[in-house]
Amino acid sequence: MSTLAQPPAFEVIGEFAIDPEQQRAFLNALAAQIEQHFKRYAGFISASLHASDDGRQVVVHGRWHTQRDWEAVFRNADFQPPTREVVTRFAATRLGFQLVRSVENHIQGAR
């Protein structure tokens, strides 16, 4: 039976519903904001942006060293997430998820 172990990093996953004609522009704007604002914070590891084949969804997968690193970004009362403006401008709907279980392959040489 698999158990939920402490992950090696804190992961943030956001899913957005978007007008298919706006998907590419939304991805570009979101990536620019992540590149400009989040990369400079301590603990940021990476962000991956995924586009659905039908153009209706975008998934953002962010990795931080710790949850504390992620939360520190938002501790400043004057801080407004730069990605919020992009989400609002493109009328994207944010959908949220919580990690419930992770299954990994620990067999040597497995592909």
Protein backbone atom coordinates (compact mmCIF):
# COMPACT_ATOMS: atom_id res chain seq x y z
CA MET A 1 0.00 0.00 0.00
CA SER A 2 1.43 3.37 -0.97
CA THR A 3 1.53 6.23 1.47
CA LEU A 4 1.69 9.95 1.00
CA ALA A 5 5.28 10.91 1.78
CA GLN A 6 6.70 14.38 2.34
CA PRO A 7 7.50 15.70 -1.14
CA PRO A 8 11.03 16.94 -1.93
CA ALA A 9 9.53 20.33 -2.80
CA PHE A 10 6.33 22.29 -2.31
CA GLU A 11 4.24 22.15 -5.45
CA VAL A 12 1.55 24.59 -6.54
CA ILE A 13 -0.82 23.57 -9.32
CA GLY A 14 -3.29 25.95 -10.88
CA GLU A 15 -5.72 25.16 -13.65
CA PHE A 16 -7.42 27.85 -15.69
CA ALA A 17 -10.35 27.68 -18.09
CA ILE A 18 -9.75 30.00 -21.03
CA ASP A 19 -11.25 30.97 -24.39
CA PRO A 20 -9.44 28.74 -26.91
CA GLU A 21 -8.64 31.72 -29.14
CA GLN A 22 -6.85 33.38 -26.20
CA GLN A 23 -4.89 30.37 -24.92
CA ARG A 24 -1.53 31.22 -26.54
CA ALA A 25 -1.68 34.90 -25.53
CA PHE A 26 -2.71 33.91 -21.99
CA LEU A 27 0.22 31.47 -21.74
CA ASN A 28 2.68 34.09 -22.98
CA ALA A 29 1.39 36.77 -20.57
CA LEU A 30 1.37 34.38 -17.62
CA ALA A 31 4.89 33.13 -18.39
CA ALA A 32 6.15 36.72 -18.63
CA GLN A 33 4.72 37.56 -15.19
CA ILE A 34 6.19 34.43 -13.62
CA GLU A 35 9.57 35.13 -15.23
CA GLN A 36 9.58 38.78 -14.15
CA HIS A 37 8.21 38.48 -10.63
CA PHE A 38 8.47 35.02 -9.08
CA LYS A 39 11.93 33.95 -10.27
CA ARG A 40 13.61 36.49 -8.01
CA TYR A 41 12.18 35.05 -4.78
CA ALA A 42 14.20 32.71 -2.58
CA GLY A 43 12.96 29.16 -2.81
CA PHE A 44 11.54 29.36 -6.34
CA ILE A 45 12.59 26.28 -8.32
CA SER A 46 10.54 26.27 -11.50
CA ALA A 47 7.21 26.80 -13.20
CA SER A 48 5.82 24.71 -16.04
CA LEU A 49 2.88 25.83 -18.14
CA HIS A 50 0.76 23.26 -19.93
CA ALA A 51 -1.81 23.87 -22.69
CA SER A 52 -4.72 21.53 -23.37
CA ASP A 53 -5.08 20.21 -26.90
CA ASP A 54 -8.54 21.77 -27.26
CA GLY A 55 -7.27 25.21 -26.20
CA ARG A 56 -9.72 25.51 -23.30
CA GLN A 57 -7.41 24.97 -20.35
CA VAL A 58 -4.01 25.95 -19.03
CA VAL A 59 -2.30 24.22 -16.13
CA VAL A 60 0.54 25.87 -14.22
CA HIS A 61 2.79 23.69 -12.09
CA GLY A 62 5.06 25.66 -9.76
CA ARG A 63 7.79 24.18 -7.59
CA TRP A 64 9.23 25.85 -4.49
CA HIS A 65 11.73 24.49 -1.99
CA THR A 66 9.22 24.81 0.85
CA GLN A 67 5.67 25.93 1.47
CA ARG A 68 7.14 28.63 3.69
CA ASP A 69 9.07 30.00 0.66
CA TRP A 70 5.83 30.17 -1.35
CA GLU A 71 3.91 31.83 1.45
CA ALA A 72 6.67 34.40 2.07
CA VAL A 73 5.94 35.91 -1.35
CA PHE A 74 2.47 36.88 -0.16
CA ARG A 75 3.31 38.14 3.36
CA ASN A 76 3.79 41.70 2.15
CA ALA A 77 0.39 43.39 2.58
CA ASP A 78 1.01 45.57 -0.50
CA PHE A 79 1.84 42.60 -2.72
CA GLN A 80 -0.70 41.82 -5.41
CA PRO A 81 0.08 38.66 -7.35
CA PRO A 82 1.12 39.85 -10.81
CA THR A 83 -0.57 36.83 -12.32
CA ARG A 84 -3.95 38.07 -11.00
CA GLU A 85 -3.99 40.87 -13.59
CA VAL A 86 -3.34 38.37 -16.39
CA VAL A 87 -6.10 36.05 -15.16
CA THR A 88 -8.54 38.97 -14.95
CA ARG A 89 -7.57 40.40 -18.35
CA PHE A 90 -8.18 37.08 -20.11
CA ALA A 91 -11.31 36.26 -18.06
CA ALA A 92 -9.74 32.95 -17.08
CA THR A 93 -11.37 30.93 -14.33
CA ARG A 94 -8.99 29.49 -11.74
CA LEU A 95 -9.69 25.96 -10.63
CA GLY A 96 -7.90 24.57 -7.56
CA PHE A 97 -6.81 21.08 -6.57
CA GLN A 98 -5.23 19.41 -3.56
CA LEU A 99 -2.71 16.57 -3.83
CA VAL A 100 -4.32 13.46 -2.38
CA ARG A 101 -1.95 10.74 -3.45
CA SER A 102 1.21 10.26 -5.47
CA VAL A 103 2.38 6.98 -7.02
CA GLU A 104 6.00 6.64 -8.05
CA ASN A 105 8.01 3.92 -9.76
CA HIS A 106 10.99 2.88 -7.66
CA ILE A 107 12.08 -0.07 -9.83
CA GLN A 108 15.65 0.19 -11.09
CA GLY A 109 15.80 0.78 -14.85
CA ALA A 110 12.07 1.38 -15.22
CA ARG A 111 11.06 3.65 -18.08
